[in-house]
Amino acid sequence: DSGGVYWIVDLNTRKASGNTYWFGPVLANNRLILASSRGDLQARDPKTGALIKTLRTGAPMMQPPIAAGGLLYVVNEKAELVAIR
């Protein structure tokens, strides 16, 4: 209501060389879903920003996920379409 910030989360906490780029978020099933250039998908609580789950997809992603029909779709840099339930 006030336009104030609810929460801020630093997504670059992983100790790795080079930059990690994040895409999204997409709100699906009451979770914020983010995709990374390191091949991670994160599900976060939209009210607190708390990490709910991380999933390694096996290949970097370069665009936001898409939620449709009860599935989450991501395209990785190998041009593979991955559907996740």
C-alpha atoms as a PDB file:
ATOM      1  CA  ASP A   1       0.000   0.000   0.000  1.00  0.00           C
ATOM      2  CA  SER A   2       2.833   2.408   0.828  1.00  0.00           C
ATOM      3  CA  GLY A   3       5.040   1.525  -2.127  1.00  0.00           C
ATOM      4  CA  GLY A   4       7.821   0.526   0.260  1.00  0.00           C
ATOM      5  CA  VAL A   5      10.208  -2.367  -0.323  1.00  0.00           C
ATOM      6  CA  TYR A   6       9.013  -5.696   1.159  1.00  0.00           C
ATOM      7  CA  TRP A   7      12.311  -7.543   0.963  1.00  0.00           C
ATOM      8  CA  ILE A   8      15.612  -7.715  -0.916  1.00  0.00           C
ATOM      9  CA  VAL A   9      17.588 -10.910  -1.546  1.00  0.00           C
ATOM     10  CA  ASP A  10      21.167 -11.054  -2.850  1.00  0.00           C
ATOM     11  CA  LEU A  11      21.105 -13.761  -5.530  1.00  0.00           C
ATOM     12  CA  ASN A  12      24.877 -13.673  -6.018  1.00  0.00           C
ATOM     13  CA  THR A  13      25.808 -15.492  -2.812  1.00  0.00           C
ATOM     14  CA  ARG A  14      27.302 -18.482  -4.651  1.00  0.00           C
ATOM     15  CA  LYS A  15      31.116 -18.389  -4.692  1.00  0.00           C
ATOM     16  CA  ALA A  16      31.896 -18.879  -8.371  1.00  0.00           C
ATOM     17  CA  SER A  17      34.109 -17.174 -10.898  1.00  0.00           C
ATOM     18  CA  GLY A  18      32.426 -14.940 -13.427  1.00  0.00           C
ATOM     19  CA  ASN A  19      29.011 -13.361 -13.376  1.00  0.00           C
ATOM     20  CA  THR A  20      25.714 -15.128 -12.793  1.00  0.00           C
ATOM     21  CA  TYR A  21      22.731 -13.677 -14.630  1.00  0.00           C
ATOM     22  CA  TRP A  22      19.181 -14.202 -13.356  1.00  0.00           C
ATOM     23  CA  PHE A  23      15.993 -14.255 -15.417  1.00  0.00           C
ATOM     24  CA  GLY A  24      12.448 -13.847 -14.206  1.00  0.00           C
ATOM     25  CA  PRO A  25      10.898 -13.936 -11.742  1.00  0.00           C
ATOM     26  CA  VAL A  26       7.704 -15.667 -12.792  1.00  0.00           C
ATOM     27  CA  LEU A  27       4.939 -16.198 -10.244  1.00  0.00           C
ATOM     28  CA  ALA A  28       3.684 -19.789 -10.456  1.00  0.00           C
ATOM     29  CA  ASN A  29       1.936 -21.912  -7.835  1.00  0.00           C
ATOM     30  CA  ASN A  30       2.445 -19.168  -5.232  1.00  0.00           C
ATOM     31  CA  ARG A  31       6.225 -19.210  -5.789  1.00  0.00           C
ATOM     32  CA  LEU A  32       8.578 -16.830  -7.520  1.00  0.00           C
ATOM     33  CA  ILE A  33      10.632 -18.838 -10.016  1.00  0.00           C
ATOM     34  CA  LEU A  34      14.001 -17.569 -11.240  1.00  0.00           C
ATOM     35  CA  ALA A  35      16.370 -19.096 -13.798  1.00  0.00           C
ATOM     36  CA  SER A  36      20.131 -18.539 -13.875  1.00  0.00           C
ATOM     37  CA  SER A  37      22.961 -18.536 -16.378  1.00  0.00           C
ATOM     38  CA  ARG A  38      24.587 -21.235 -14.201  1.00  0.00           C
ATOM     39  CA  GLY A  39      21.720 -23.700 -14.731  1.00  0.00           C
ATOM     40  CA  ASP A  40      19.868 -23.170 -11.447  1.00  0.00           C
ATOM     41  CA  LEU A  41      16.153 -22.715 -10.966  1.00  0.00           C
ATOM     42  CA  GLN A  42      15.116 -21.181  -7.665  1.00  0.00           C
ATOM     43  CA  ALA A  43      11.677 -21.141  -6.077  1.00  0.00           C
ATOM     44  CA  ARG A  44      11.212 -18.338  -3.538  1.00  0.00           C
ATOM     45  CA  ASP A  45       8.413 -17.273  -1.231  1.00  0.00           C
ATOM     46  CA  PRO A  46       6.809 -14.156  -2.767  1.00  0.00           C
ATOM     47  CA  LYS A  47       6.044 -12.634   0.645  1.00  0.00           C
ATOM     48  CA  THR A  48       9.457 -13.093   2.300  1.00  0.00           C
ATOM     49  CA  GLY A  49      11.953 -13.905  -0.464  1.00  0.00           C
ATOM     50  CA  ALA A  50      12.993 -17.043   1.443  1.00  0.00           C
ATOM     51  CA  LEU A  51      14.463 -19.821  -0.685  1.00  0.00           C
ATOM     52  CA  ILE A  52      12.050 -22.759  -0.937  1.00  0.00           C
ATOM     53  CA  LYS A  53      13.927 -24.995  -3.350  1.00  0.00           C
ATOM     54  CA  THR A  54      16.804 -25.045  -5.850  1.00  0.00           C
ATOM     55  CA  LEU A  55      16.890 -27.299  -8.896  1.00  0.00           C
ATOM     56  CA  ARG A  56      19.956 -27.870 -11.107  1.00  0.00           C
ATOM     57  CA  THR A  57      18.892 -28.220 -14.737  1.00  0.00           C
ATOM     58  CA  GLY A  58      22.275 -29.249 -16.134  1.00  0.00           C
ATOM     59  CA  ALA A  59      22.697 -26.355 -18.567  1.00  0.00           C
ATOM     60  CA  PRO A  60      22.678 -22.556 -18.357  1.00  0.00           C
ATOM     61  CA  MET A  61      19.455 -20.702 -19.104  1.00  0.00           C
ATOM     62  CA  MET A  62      19.316 -17.331 -20.820  1.00  0.00           C
ATOM     63  CA  GLN A  63      15.649 -16.366 -20.547  1.00  0.00           C
ATOM     64  CA  PRO A  64      12.861 -16.402 -17.969  1.00  0.00           C
ATOM     65  CA  PRO A  65      10.832 -19.554 -17.355  1.00  0.00           C
ATOM     66  CA  ILE A  66       7.250 -19.801 -18.608  1.00  0.00           C
ATOM     67  CA  ALA A  67       4.419 -21.201 -16.472  1.00  0.00           C
ATOM     68  CA  ALA A  68       1.465 -22.776 -18.302  1.00  0.00           C
ATOM     69  CA  GLY A  69      -0.909 -25.674 -17.767  1.00  0.00           C
ATOM     70  CA  GLY A  70       0.553 -26.679 -14.408  1.00  0.00           C
ATOM     71  CA  LEU A  71       4.083 -26.991 -15.831  1.00  0.00           C
ATOM     72  CA  LEU A  72       7.150 -24.784 -15.842  1.00  0.00           C
ATOM     73  CA  TYR A  73       9.006 -24.522 -19.157  1.00  0.00           C
ATOM     74  CA  VAL A  74      12.611 -23.416 -19.597  1.00  0.00           C
ATOM     75  CA  VAL A  75      14.903 -23.346 -22.609  1.00  0.00           C
ATOM     76  CA  ASN A  76      18.587 -23.844 -21.921  1.00  0.00           C
ATOM     77  CA  GLU A  77      21.584 -22.723 -23.955  1.00  0.00           C
ATOM     78  CA  LYS A  78      21.759 -26.181 -25.588  1.00  0.00           C
ATOM     79  CA  ALA A  79      18.372 -25.303 -27.170  1.00  0.00           C
ATOM     80  CA  GLU A  80      16.634 -27.983 -25.094  1.00  0.00           C
ATOM     81  CA  LEU A  81      13.077 -27.348 -23.957  1.00  0.00           C
ATOM     82  CA  VAL A  82      12.666 -28.629 -20.401  1.00  0.00           C
ATOM     83  CA  ALA A  83       9.225 -29.109 -18.782  1.00  0.00           C
ATOM     84  CA  ILE A  84       9.084 -29.357 -14.982  1.00  0.00           C
ATOM     85  CA  ARG A  85       6.094 -30.367 -12.888  1.00  0.00           C
END
